Amino acid sequence: MRSSLWLDHARSSYPPLAGESSYDVCVVGGGLTGLLTALHLAHAGRSVVLLEARRLGAGASGRSTAKVSLLQGTRLSRIASRNAPATLRHYVEANREGLAWLRRFCEDHGVPHEIRPAWTYATTRVGELRARAELAACRAAGLPARWSDEVDLPFPSRGGVRLDDQLQVHPGDLLEELTDEVFAAGGAIHEGTRVTGVRPDGDGIRVTGRHMSVHARHVVLATGLPILDRGGFFARLVAERSYLTAFRSDWRPTGMYLSCDATTRSIRSVPEGDDELLLVGGNHHTTGRGPDETQQLDELVAWARDNLPVGDLTHSWSAQDQTSTTGLPYAGPLLPGEGRILVATGYAKWGFANAAAAALLLTKRVYGDEPAWGEAMRTWSPREVTGLPAAALVNGSAGVHMARGWACRLRHPDDERAPVCTHLGGVLRWNDAEQSWDCPLHGSRFGADGSVLEGPATGRLELG
């Protein structure tokens, strides 16, 4: 695979942290959630340090489709099917707050962005039924969405849901501007600083890693799947990979599009100087499972060439996202009643509006406050019971893959055995497309050299 379009340019780097230090807040994870939380808290007068294990934006934020929308495929209808109407409205309000904040920030700081209608469209009968269910959920949540039989796409469809005045951004530009603002507000940022331990320490929390230690009053884990097993989030979330491609094209889409058929397709434009690229995504699957990754990418490229007026392929990459068993994101305490360690995760491929909302909510949490819409993002609530069947399925599947992997591993000679994940001992699968070892249990990923690419694992592989 080639590099992410969003990260394909020179960026500033920030030195690793060394020695002992003390801050009011330590934010772990340098994606959108982490940068926004650090910025809000620094603006509020707190001393803040942000620690990123690799480079800023190296995770989901730098690999997203970067659509900031309240129309999110069929997510609202899925939330409505599992939760009370008030929870659905709170979720939409949270995302509305997040979108509005990002739009103001882009306008005030000259970050390139475009206002576009968002579409959930269908090409099959089943897809149309899903799209119409999404329209009903939008209306129940108070969104001014409408149905259109005509979708501005160069291939046939059965119509779709349209929501105007949504936002698309360039993550690289946005993350760079946020980084500058964190520094301007007095925050500190360190890359190449992997956190391996978080524990209570007197009246605060001790964050540790190689050659460094930070004492903080609060810690925010903005690492995708939390790197701490306390709270059992690895049992409540599913790690999914999806694929993205960028093409040169003379076609200029007027909106942002996501299909709701069995195989989803995402389409948006990307301004590039006086020209535009076409971004096409899809083919999601559970990390470490399913069809060959190279095949997934080849199928996506073939679909784009068959259905869209595209030219040269300029970029191809993949992204990893976490989806909760309740269908809702999490932003709040790692453990019930423990407000010093906070987490944010479970955005289900809609990380930009959700990340902005989560950062606002976590900031208020530090001050012991919570807006009404925060109910939709609670880490602990009675609705976790509604997610138990899905959680049982997720964990049962993980157990099957654990047993299957070890049975296969024991049949091979020692020098041919796949390595074992440093998180909970899952047997890793080689991903030839990305030259990585992927865990089918909870989505940890490692480079060919054993370095950690994705958590919850924090320890590198010791490859023979």
Protein backbone atom coordinates (compact mmCIF):
# COMPACT_ATOMS: atom_id res chain seq x y z
CA MET A 1 0.00 0.00 0.00
CA ARG A 2 1.02 3.59 -0.51
CA SER A 3 0.93 6.23 2.22
CA SER A 4 -2.20 8.00 3.42
CA LEU A 5 -3.07 10.99 1.26
CA TRP A 6 -3.48 13.13 4.39
CA LEU A 7 0.01 12.36 5.70
CA ASP A 8 1.82 12.56 2.38
CA HIS A 9 3.71 15.78 3.09
CA ALA A 10 6.52 17.05 5.30
CA ARG A 11 5.49 17.64 8.90
CA SER A 12 7.19 18.98 11.99
CA SER A 13 8.40 16.46 14.52
CA TYR A 14 8.51 16.72 18.30
CA PRO A 15 11.13 15.04 20.52
CA PRO A 16 10.34 12.16 22.89
CA LEU A 17 9.80 12.95 26.55
CA ALA A 18 12.57 11.94 28.96
CA GLY A 19 12.94 12.12 32.71
CA GLU A 20 10.34 12.94 35.35
CA SER A 21 7.78 15.72 35.04
CA SER A 22 4.49 16.88 36.49
CA TYR A 23 1.38 18.31 34.81
CA ASP A 24 -2.26 18.85 35.65
CA VAL A 25 -3.33 16.62 32.75
CA CYS A 26 -1.51 14.00 30.68
CA VAL A 27 -3.20 13.19 27.36
CA VAL A 28 -2.15 9.89 25.77
CA GLY A 29 -2.70 9.75 22.00
CA GLY A 30 -1.97 12.34 19.33
CA GLY A 31 -5.03 12.11 17.12
CA LEU A 32 -7.94 14.51 16.87
CA THR A 33 -9.42 13.59 20.27
CA GLY A 34 -6.10 14.01 22.05
CA LEU A 35 -5.18 17.32 20.41
CA LEU A 36 -8.62 18.83 20.97
CA THR A 37 -8.73 17.74 24.62
CA ALA A 38 -5.24 19.14 25.21
CA LEU A 39 -6.23 22.40 23.53
CA HIS A 40 -9.44 22.86 25.56
CA LEU A 41 -7.71 22.14 28.85
CA ALA A 42 -4.75 24.38 28.05
CA HIS A 43 -7.13 27.20 27.16
CA ALA A 44 -8.81 26.61 30.53
CA GLY A 45 -5.52 27.22 32.32
CA ARG A 46 -4.45 23.64 33.02
CA SER A 47 -0.86 22.54 32.42
CA VAL A 48 -1.08 19.81 29.77
CA VAL A 49 1.31 17.35 28.13
CA LEU A 50 0.31 15.20 25.15
CA LEU A 51 2.22 11.94 24.53
CA GLU A 52 2.07 10.17 21.15
CA ALA A 53 3.72 6.77 20.66
CA ARG A 54 4.46 7.34 16.95
CA ARG A 55 3.65 10.55 15.04
CA LEU A 56 0.70 12.91 15.43
CA GLY A 57 -2.19 11.66 13.31
CA ALA A 58 -0.59 8.26 12.65
CA GLY A 59 -3.73 6.45 13.77
CA ALA A 60 -7.33 6.81 12.65
CA SER A 61 -7.28 10.63 12.45
CA GLY A 62 -4.68 10.64 9.68
CA ARG A 63 -6.34 7.78 7.81
CA SER A 64 -10.02 8.79 7.88
CA THR A 65 -12.33 9.85 5.05
CA ALA A 66 -12.56 13.08 7.12
CA LYS A 67 -16.29 13.59 6.63
CA VAL A 68 -17.79 15.61 9.47
CA SER A 69 -21.47 14.81 9.24
CA LEU A 70 -24.60 14.22 11.29
CA LEU A 71 -25.81 11.83 8.58
CA GLN A 72 -23.62 8.79 9.19
CA GLY A 73 -24.63 5.99 6.87
CA THR A 74 -27.19 3.94 8.84
CA ARG A 75 -25.80 4.62 12.29
CA LEU A 76 -28.74 6.65 13.59
CA SER A 77 -31.23 3.90 12.76
CA ARG A 78 -28.99 1.34 14.49
CA ILE A 79 -28.78 3.53 17.58
CA ALA A 80 -32.56 4.04 17.51
CA SER A 81 -33.14 0.27 17.40
CA ARG A 82 -31.13 -0.30 20.61
CA ASN A 83 -31.67 2.82 22.67
CA ALA A 84 -34.34 5.19 23.95
CA PRO A 85 -35.41 8.12 21.72
CA ALA A 86 -33.79 10.58 24.13
CA THR A 87 -30.43 8.83 23.71
CA LEU A 88 -30.67 9.15 19.93
CA ARG A 89 -31.39 12.88 20.25
CA HIS A 90 -28.49 13.30 22.68
CA TYR A 91 -26.14 11.50 20.27
CA VAL A 92 -27.14 13.81 17.43
CA GLU A 93 -26.78 16.86 19.68
CA ALA A 94 -23.28 15.73 20.71
CA ASN A 95 -22.28 15.42 17.06
CA ARG A 96 -23.92 18.75 16.24
CA GLU A 97 -21.77 20.39 18.93
CA GLY A 98 -18.68 18.67 17.55
CA LEU A 99 -19.37 19.66 13.95
CA ALA A 100 -20.14 23.26 14.89
CA TRP A 101 -16.90 23.56 16.89
CA LEU A 102 -14.77 22.17 14.04
CA ARG A 103 -16.45 24.41 11.49
CA ARG A 104 -15.83 27.52 13.60
CA PHE A 105 -12.23 26.50 14.15
CA CYS A 106 -11.62 25.97 10.42
CA GLU A 107 -13.24 29.31 9.58
CA ASP A 108 -11.38 31.23 12.29
CA HIS A 109 -7.96 29.71 11.53
CA GLY A 110 -8.08 29.45 7.76
CA VAL A 111 -8.07 25.65 7.68
CA PRO A 112 -9.20 24.51 4.20
CA HIS A 113 -12.64 22.91 4.30
CA GLU A 114 -15.74 22.53 2.13
CA ILE A 115 -19.44 22.60 2.95
CA ARG A 116 -21.18 19.70 1.21
CA PRO A 117 -24.44 17.76 1.43
CA ALA A 118 -24.05 14.30 2.93
CA TRP A 119 -25.80 11.33 1.32
CA THR A 120 -26.76 7.84 2.47
CA TYR A 121 -27.67 6.15 -0.81
CA ALA A 122 -28.70 2.70 -1.99
CA THR A 123 -28.21 0.60 -5.11
CA THR A 124 -30.23 -2.45 -3.99
CA ARG A 125 -33.71 -3.07 -2.61
CA VAL A 126 -32.35 -4.02 0.81
CA GLY A 127 -30.17 -0.93 0.79
CA GLU A 128 -33.17 1.25 -0.01
CA LEU A 129 -35.06 -0.15 2.99
CA ARG A 130 -32.08 0.67 5.18
CA ALA A 131 -31.83 4.18 3.77
CA ARG A 132 -35.52 4.86 4.39
CA ALA A 133 -35.13 3.59 7.97
CA GLU A 134 -32.26 6.05 8.36
CA LEU A 135 -34.48 8.86 7.11
CA ALA A 136 -37.05 7.98 9.78
CA ALA A 137 -34.32 8.04 12.45
CA CYS A 138 -33.08 11.41 11.20
CA ARG A 139 -36.53 12.88 11.49
CA ALA A 140 -37.02 11.38 14.97
CA ALA A 141 -33.77 13.08 15.99
CA GLY A 142 -34.89 16.44 14.57
CA LEU A 143 -32.57 16.54 11.56
CA PRO A 144 -33.83 18.25 8.35
CA ALA A 145 -32.93 15.29 6.15
CA ARG A 146 -34.96 14.53 3.04
CA TRP A 147 -35.36 11.74 0.50
CA SER A 148 -34.36 12.15 -3.13
CA ASP A 149 -34.91 9.64 -5.92
CA GLU A 150 -32.05 11.23 -7.83
CA VAL A 151 -28.51 11.02 -6.46
CA ASP A 152 -25.74 12.90 -8.23
CA LEU A 153 -23.65 9.81 -8.99
CA PRO A 154 -22.35 8.48 -12.33
CA PHE A 155 -23.97 5.06 -11.81
CA PRO A 156 -27.58 3.94 -11.13
CA SER A 157 -29.01 4.13 -7.62
CA ARG A 158 -32.38 3.69 -5.92
CA GLY A 159 -32.25 7.11 -4.27
CA GLY A 160 -31.04 8.19 -0.90
CA VAL A 161 -31.19 10.46 2.14
CA ARG A 162 -29.67 13.95 1.86
CA LEU A 163 -28.60 16.28 4.65
CA ASP A 164 -27.25 19.68 3.63
CA ASP A 165 -24.53 21.88 5.17
CA GLN A 166 -22.15 19.19 6.35
CA LEU A 167 -18.37 19.48 6.38
CA GLN A 168 -15.36 17.81 4.79
CA VAL A 169 -11.80 18.65 5.82
CA HIS A 170 -8.16 17.81 5.17
CA PRO A 171 -6.96 16.05 8.35
CA GLY A 172 -3.31 16.95 7.83
CA ASP A 173 -4.06 20.68 7.67
CA LEU A 174 -6.46 20.48 10.62
CA LEU A 175 -4.07 18.52 12.86
CA GLU A 176 -1.18 20.89 12.09
CA GLU A 177 -3.25 23.95 13.00
CA LEU A 178 -4.48 22.30 16.20
CA THR A 179 -0.90 21.43 17.12
CA ASP A 180 0.15 25.05 16.70
CA GLU A 181 -2.76 26.15 18.88
CA VAL A 182 -1.86 23.68 21.64
CA PHE A 183 1.65 25.16 21.78
CA ALA A 184 0.27 28.71 21.68
CA ALA A 185 -1.94 27.88 24.67
CA GLY A 186 1.05 26.61 26.66
CA GLY A 187 0.67 22.86 26.11
CA ALA A 188 3.56 20.44 25.54
CA ILE A 189 3.66 17.68 22.88
CA HIS A 190 6.04 14.73 22.60
CA GLU A 191 6.12 12.13 19.82
CA GLY A 192 7.90 8.78 19.94
CA THR A 193 6.80 8.40 23.57
CA ARG A 194 4.93 5.16 24.18
CA VAL A 195 3.04 4.88 27.46
CA THR A 196 3.31 1.41 29.00
CA GLY A 197 1.85 1.98 32.46
CA VAL A 198 -0.77 4.11 34.23
CA ARG A 199 -1.30 3.69 37.96
CA PRO A 200 -2.58 5.65 40.98
CA ASP A 201 0.15 7.62 42.72
CA GLY A 202 -0.76 9.54 45.86
CA ASP A 203 -3.33 12.18 45.01
CA GLY A 204 -2.80 11.74 41.27
CA ILE A 205 -1.82 9.32 38.51
CA ARG A 206 1.62 8.14 37.42
CA VAL A 207 2.13 7.63 33.68
CA THR A 208 5.25 5.68 32.73
CA GLY A 209 7.14 4.64 29.63
CA ARG A 210 10.70 4.07 28.51
CA HIS A 211 12.95 6.73 30.04
CA MET A 212 10.02 8.88 31.20
CA SER A 213 7.54 9.33 34.02
CA VAL A 214 4.73 11.88 34.38
CA HIS A 215 2.71 12.66 37.49
CA ALA A 216 -0.71 14.15 36.66
CA ARG A 217 -3.98 14.91 38.38
CA HIS A 218 -5.91 13.55 35.38
CA VAL A 219 -5.04 11.23 32.49
CA VAL A 220 -6.96 11.06 29.21
CA LEU A 221 -6.54 7.89 27.12
CA ALA A 222 -7.25 8.89 23.52
CA THR A 223 -5.65 5.81 21.98
CA GLY A 224 -8.51 4.21 20.04
CA LEU A 225 -8.96 1.08 22.13
CA PRO A 226 -7.79 2.04 25.64
CA ILE A 227 -4.30 0.72 26.39
CA LEU A 228 -5.43 -0.29 29.91
CA ASP A 229 -7.50 -3.46 30.36
CA ARG A 230 -9.21 -2.00 33.43
CA GLY A 231 -12.82 -1.45 32.45
CA GLY A 232 -12.87 -4.30 29.95
CA PHE A 233 -13.25 -2.06 26.92
CA PHE A 234 -11.49 -4.66 24.78
CA ALA A 235 -14.54 -6.86 25.42
CA ARG A 236 -17.02 -4.10 24.47
CA LEU A 237 -15.40 -2.94 21.23
CA VAL A 238 -14.66 -4.46 17.84
CA ALA A 239 -11.63 -3.31 15.83
CA GLU A 240 -12.39 -2.95 12.12
CA ARG A 241 -10.16 -2.11 9.18
CA SER A 242 -11.37 -0.42 6.02
CA TYR A 243 -9.61 0.66 2.84
CA LEU A 244 -9.26 3.98 1.03
CA THR A 245 -7.99 4.96 -2.39
CA ALA A 246 -7.38 8.30 -4.13
CA PHE A 247 -7.64 8.74 -7.91
CA ARG A 248 -7.22 11.52 -10.38
CA SER A 249 -10.59 12.24 -11.96
CA ASP A 250 -12.36 14.83 -14.09
CA TRP A 251 -15.63 14.17 -12.22
CA ARG A 252 -16.46 16.66 -9.47
CA PRO A 253 -18.92 15.21 -6.93
CA THR A 254 -21.21 17.77 -5.36
CA GLY A 255 -21.59 15.89 -2.07
CA MET A 256 -20.18 13.27 0.31
CA TYR A 257 -21.63 9.82 -0.33
CA LEU A 258 -21.91 6.56 1.61
CA SER A 259 -23.85 3.55 0.41
CA CYS A 260 -25.88 1.38 2.77
CA ASP A 261 -25.85 -1.81 0.73
CA ALA A 262 -24.24 -5.05 1.93
CA THR A 263 -20.88 -3.78 0.67
CA THR A 264 -20.50 -0.11 1.50
CA ARG A 265 -18.80 2.48 -0.69
CA SER A 266 -17.66 5.93 0.44
CA ILE A 267 -17.01 8.75 -2.05
CA ARG A 268 -15.83 12.35 -1.62
CA SER A 269 -13.63 14.86 -3.41
CA VAL A 270 -10.28 16.16 -2.19
CA PRO A 271 -9.11 19.59 -3.48
CA GLU A 272 -5.47 19.54 -4.54
CA GLY A 273 -4.41 22.99 -5.68
CA ASP A 274 -6.32 23.82 -8.84
CA ASP A 275 -7.22 20.15 -9.28
CA GLU A 276 -9.24 17.61 -7.29
CA LEU A 277 -8.75 13.98 -6.35
CA LEU A 278 -11.52 11.45 -5.81
CA LEU A 279 -11.43 9.51 -2.55
CA VAL A 280 -13.12 6.08 -2.64
CA GLY A 281 -13.37 3.80 0.41
CA GLY A 282 -15.00 0.61 1.63
CA ASN A 283 -14.50 -3.15 2.24
CA HIS A 284 -14.41 -3.07 6.04
CA HIS A 285 -13.75 -6.23 8.06
CA THR A 286 -12.71 -7.22 11.58
CA THR A 287 -8.98 -6.73 12.05
CA GLY A 288 -6.97 -9.93 11.62
CA ARG A 289 -9.91 -11.82 10.18
CA GLY A 290 -11.71 -12.18 6.88
CA PRO A 291 -10.43 -12.12 3.31
CA ASP A 292 -6.89 -11.34 2.28
CA GLU A 293 -6.10 -7.64 2.69
CA THR A 294 -4.49 -7.34 -0.73
CA GLN A 295 -7.62 -8.80 -2.26
CA GLN A 296 -9.78 -6.30 -0.37
CA LEU A 297 -7.81 -3.40 -1.79
CA ASP A 298 -7.77 -4.84 -5.33
CA GLU A 299 -11.56 -5.27 -5.23
CA LEU A 300 -12.04 -1.65 -4.13
CA VAL A 301 -9.80 -0.35 -6.92
CA ALA A 302 -11.61 -2.54 -9.48
CA TRP A 303 -15.02 -1.25 -8.31
CA ALA A 304 -13.87 2.36 -8.63
CA ARG A 305 -12.58 1.78 -12.16
CA ASP A 306 -15.79 0.00 -13.17
CA ASN A 307 -18.21 2.57 -11.74
CA LEU A 308 -16.48 5.96 -11.62
CA PRO A 309 -14.62 8.08 -14.19
CA VAL A 310 -11.22 7.71 -12.54
CA GLY A 311 -7.69 7.93 -13.87
CA ASP A 312 -4.41 7.22 -12.11
CA LEU A 313 -4.40 5.75 -8.62
CA THR A 314 -2.34 8.13 -6.48
CA HIS A 315 -2.73 6.73 -2.94
CA SER A 316 -4.07 3.66 -1.16
CA TRP A 317 -4.17 2.97 2.56
CA SER A 318 -6.27 1.52 5.35
CA ALA A 319 -7.69 2.71 8.64
CA GLN A 320 -8.69 1.10 11.92
CA ASP A 321 -11.75 2.09 13.92
CA GLN A 322 -13.50 0.82 17.05
CA THR A 323 -17.22 0.04 17.18
CA SER A 324 -18.98 -0.56 20.50
CA THR A 325 -21.46 -3.34 21.17
CA THR A 326 -24.10 -0.74 22.13
CA GLY A 327 -23.65 1.27 18.93
CA LEU A 328 -22.66 4.40 20.88
CA PRO A 329 -19.25 5.99 21.54
CA TYR A 330 -17.61 6.22 24.94
CA ALA A 331 -16.20 9.34 26.59
CA GLY A 332 -15.80 9.38 30.34
CA PRO A 333 -14.26 7.57 33.32
CA LEU A 334 -12.26 4.39 32.70
CA LEU A 335 -13.87 2.88 35.82
CA PRO A 336 -17.11 3.82 37.61
CA GLY A 337 -16.43 6.49 40.19
CA GLU A 338 -12.80 6.96 39.08
CA GLY A 339 -12.74 10.38 37.47
CA ARG A 340 -8.96 10.73 37.29
CA ILE A 341 -8.50 8.39 34.30
CA LEU A 342 -10.75 9.21 31.33
CA VAL A 343 -11.15 7.47 27.97
CA ALA A 344 -12.68 8.21 24.57
CA THR A 345 -13.31 5.55 21.94
CA GLY A 346 -15.93 3.71 19.85
CA TYR A 347 -16.53 6.26 17.09
CA ALA A 348 -17.39 3.57 14.48
CA LYS A 349 -15.74 5.37 11.54
CA TRP A 350 -17.32 8.75 12.41
CA GLY A 351 -14.42 10.06 14.42
CA PHE A 352 -14.33 13.73 13.48
CA ALA A 353 -17.66 14.99 14.84
CA ASN A 354 -17.51 12.41 17.65
CA ALA A 355 -13.92 13.28 18.57
CA ALA A 356 -14.74 16.99 18.81
CA ALA A 357 -17.76 16.19 20.99
CA ALA A 358 -15.78 13.78 23.16
CA ALA A 359 -13.03 16.36 23.72
CA LEU A 360 -15.60 18.93 24.86
CA LEU A 361 -17.18 16.37 27.16
CA LEU A 362 -13.89 15.17 28.67
CA THR A 363 -12.87 18.75 29.36
CA LYS A 364 -16.11 19.32 31.24
CA ARG A 365 -15.56 16.02 33.07
CA VAL A 366 -12.25 17.29 34.42
CA TYR A 367 -14.23 20.15 35.96
CA GLY A 368 -16.93 17.81 37.28
CA ASP A 369 -19.56 18.95 34.79
CA GLU A 370 -21.51 17.26 31.98
CA PRO A 371 -23.92 18.62 29.35
CA ALA A 372 -27.22 16.79 28.85
CA TRP A 373 -26.00 15.30 25.55
CA GLY A 374 -23.12 13.65 27.40
CA GLU A 375 -25.59 10.90 28.35
CA ALA A 376 -25.14 9.38 24.89
CA MET A 377 -21.38 8.95 25.42
CA ARG A 378 -21.27 7.60 28.97
CA THR A 379 -18.73 4.87 29.57
CA TRP A 380 -20.89 3.24 32.23
CA SER A 381 -24.69 3.20 32.11
CA PRO A 382 -27.60 0.73 32.33
CA ARG A 383 -27.72 0.52 28.52
CA GLU A 384 -24.59 -1.67 28.64
CA VAL A 385 -27.09 -4.46 29.36
CA THR A 386 -28.58 -4.00 25.88
CA GLY A 387 -25.13 -4.61 24.44
CA LEU A 388 -24.62 -7.90 26.28
CA PRO A 389 -25.79 -10.16 23.42
CA ALA A 390 -23.48 -8.40 20.97
CA ALA A 391 -20.66 -8.46 23.54
CA ALA A 392 -21.16 -12.19 24.06
CA LEU A 393 -20.97 -12.72 20.31
CA VAL A 394 -17.84 -10.59 20.03
CA ASN A 395 -16.06 -12.37 22.87
CA GLY A 396 -17.22 -15.79 21.75
CA SER A 397 -15.78 -15.08 18.32
CA ALA A 398 -12.52 -13.91 19.89
CA GLY A 399 -12.35 -17.18 21.84
CA VAL A 400 -12.84 -19.18 18.67
CA HIS A 401 -10.03 -17.32 16.94
CA MET A 402 -7.80 -17.76 19.98
CA ALA A 403 -8.31 -21.54 19.98
CA ARG A 404 -8.03 -21.84 16.21
CA GLY A 405 -4.84 -19.79 16.11
CA TRP A 406 -3.13 -21.81 18.82
CA ALA A 407 -4.19 -25.12 17.25
CA CYS A 408 -2.67 -24.01 13.95
CA ARG A 409 0.45 -22.65 15.64
CA LEU A 410 1.17 -25.90 17.47
CA ARG A 411 1.04 -27.86 14.22
CA HIS A 412 3.99 -25.89 12.79
CA PRO A 413 7.70 -26.25 13.58
CA ASP A 414 9.11 -23.64 15.96
CA ASP A 415 10.73 -21.62 13.19
CA GLU A 416 7.47 -21.39 11.22
CA ARG A 417 5.13 -20.45 14.04
CA ALA A 418 3.30 -17.12 13.93
CA PRO A 419 4.18 -14.76 16.80
CA VAL A 420 1.84 -14.16 19.73
CA CYS A 421 0.23 -10.83 20.62
CA THR A 422 1.74 -9.17 23.68
CA HIS A 423 -1.73 -8.09 24.85
CA LEU A 424 -3.66 -11.30 25.66
CA GLY A 425 -1.81 -13.97 23.71
CA GLY A 426 -3.72 -14.14 20.45
CA VAL A 427 -1.87 -15.78 17.57
CA LEU A 428 -1.10 -13.09 15.01
CA ARG A 429 -1.87 -13.18 11.29
CA TRP A 430 0.46 -11.76 8.66
CA ASN A 431 -1.03 -8.90 6.63
CA ASP A 432 0.87 -8.94 3.35
CA ALA A 433 -0.73 -5.73 2.03
CA GLU A 434 0.54 -3.66 4.97
CA GLN A 435 3.52 -5.80 6.02
CA SER A 436 2.19 -6.13 9.55
CA TRP A 437 1.22 -8.75 12.13
CA ASP A 438 -2.46 -8.32 13.06
CA CYS A 439 -4.27 -9.77 16.08
CA PRO A 440 -7.75 -11.27 15.39
CA LEU A 441 -8.79 -10.90 19.04
CA HIS A 442 -8.72 -7.18 19.83
CA GLY A 443 -7.02 -5.52 16.86
CA SER A 444 -3.46 -4.97 18.08
CA ARG A 445 -1.04 -4.62 15.17
CA PHE A 446 2.74 -4.84 14.92
CA GLY A 447 5.25 -3.87 12.24
CA ALA A 448 7.50 -6.40 10.55
CA ASP A 449 10.20 -5.34 13.02
CA GLY A 450 7.94 -6.05 16.01
CA SER A 451 7.08 -2.41 16.79
CA VAL A 452 3.54 -1.65 17.99
CA LEU A 453 1.35 -0.03 15.32
CA GLU A 454 -2.07 -0.26 17.02
CA GLY A 455 -3.13 -1.02 20.61
CA PRO A 456 -4.33 -2.19 23.06
CA ALA A 457 -0.91 -3.90 23.12
CA THR A 458 1.91 -1.72 24.47
CA GLY A 459 4.82 -4.19 24.31
CA ARG A 460 6.69 -4.89 21.07
CA LEU A 461 7.07 -8.35 19.58
CA GLU A 462 10.32 -10.17 20.18
CA LEU A 463 10.79 -11.77 16.78
CA GLY A 464 13.39 -14.51 16.43
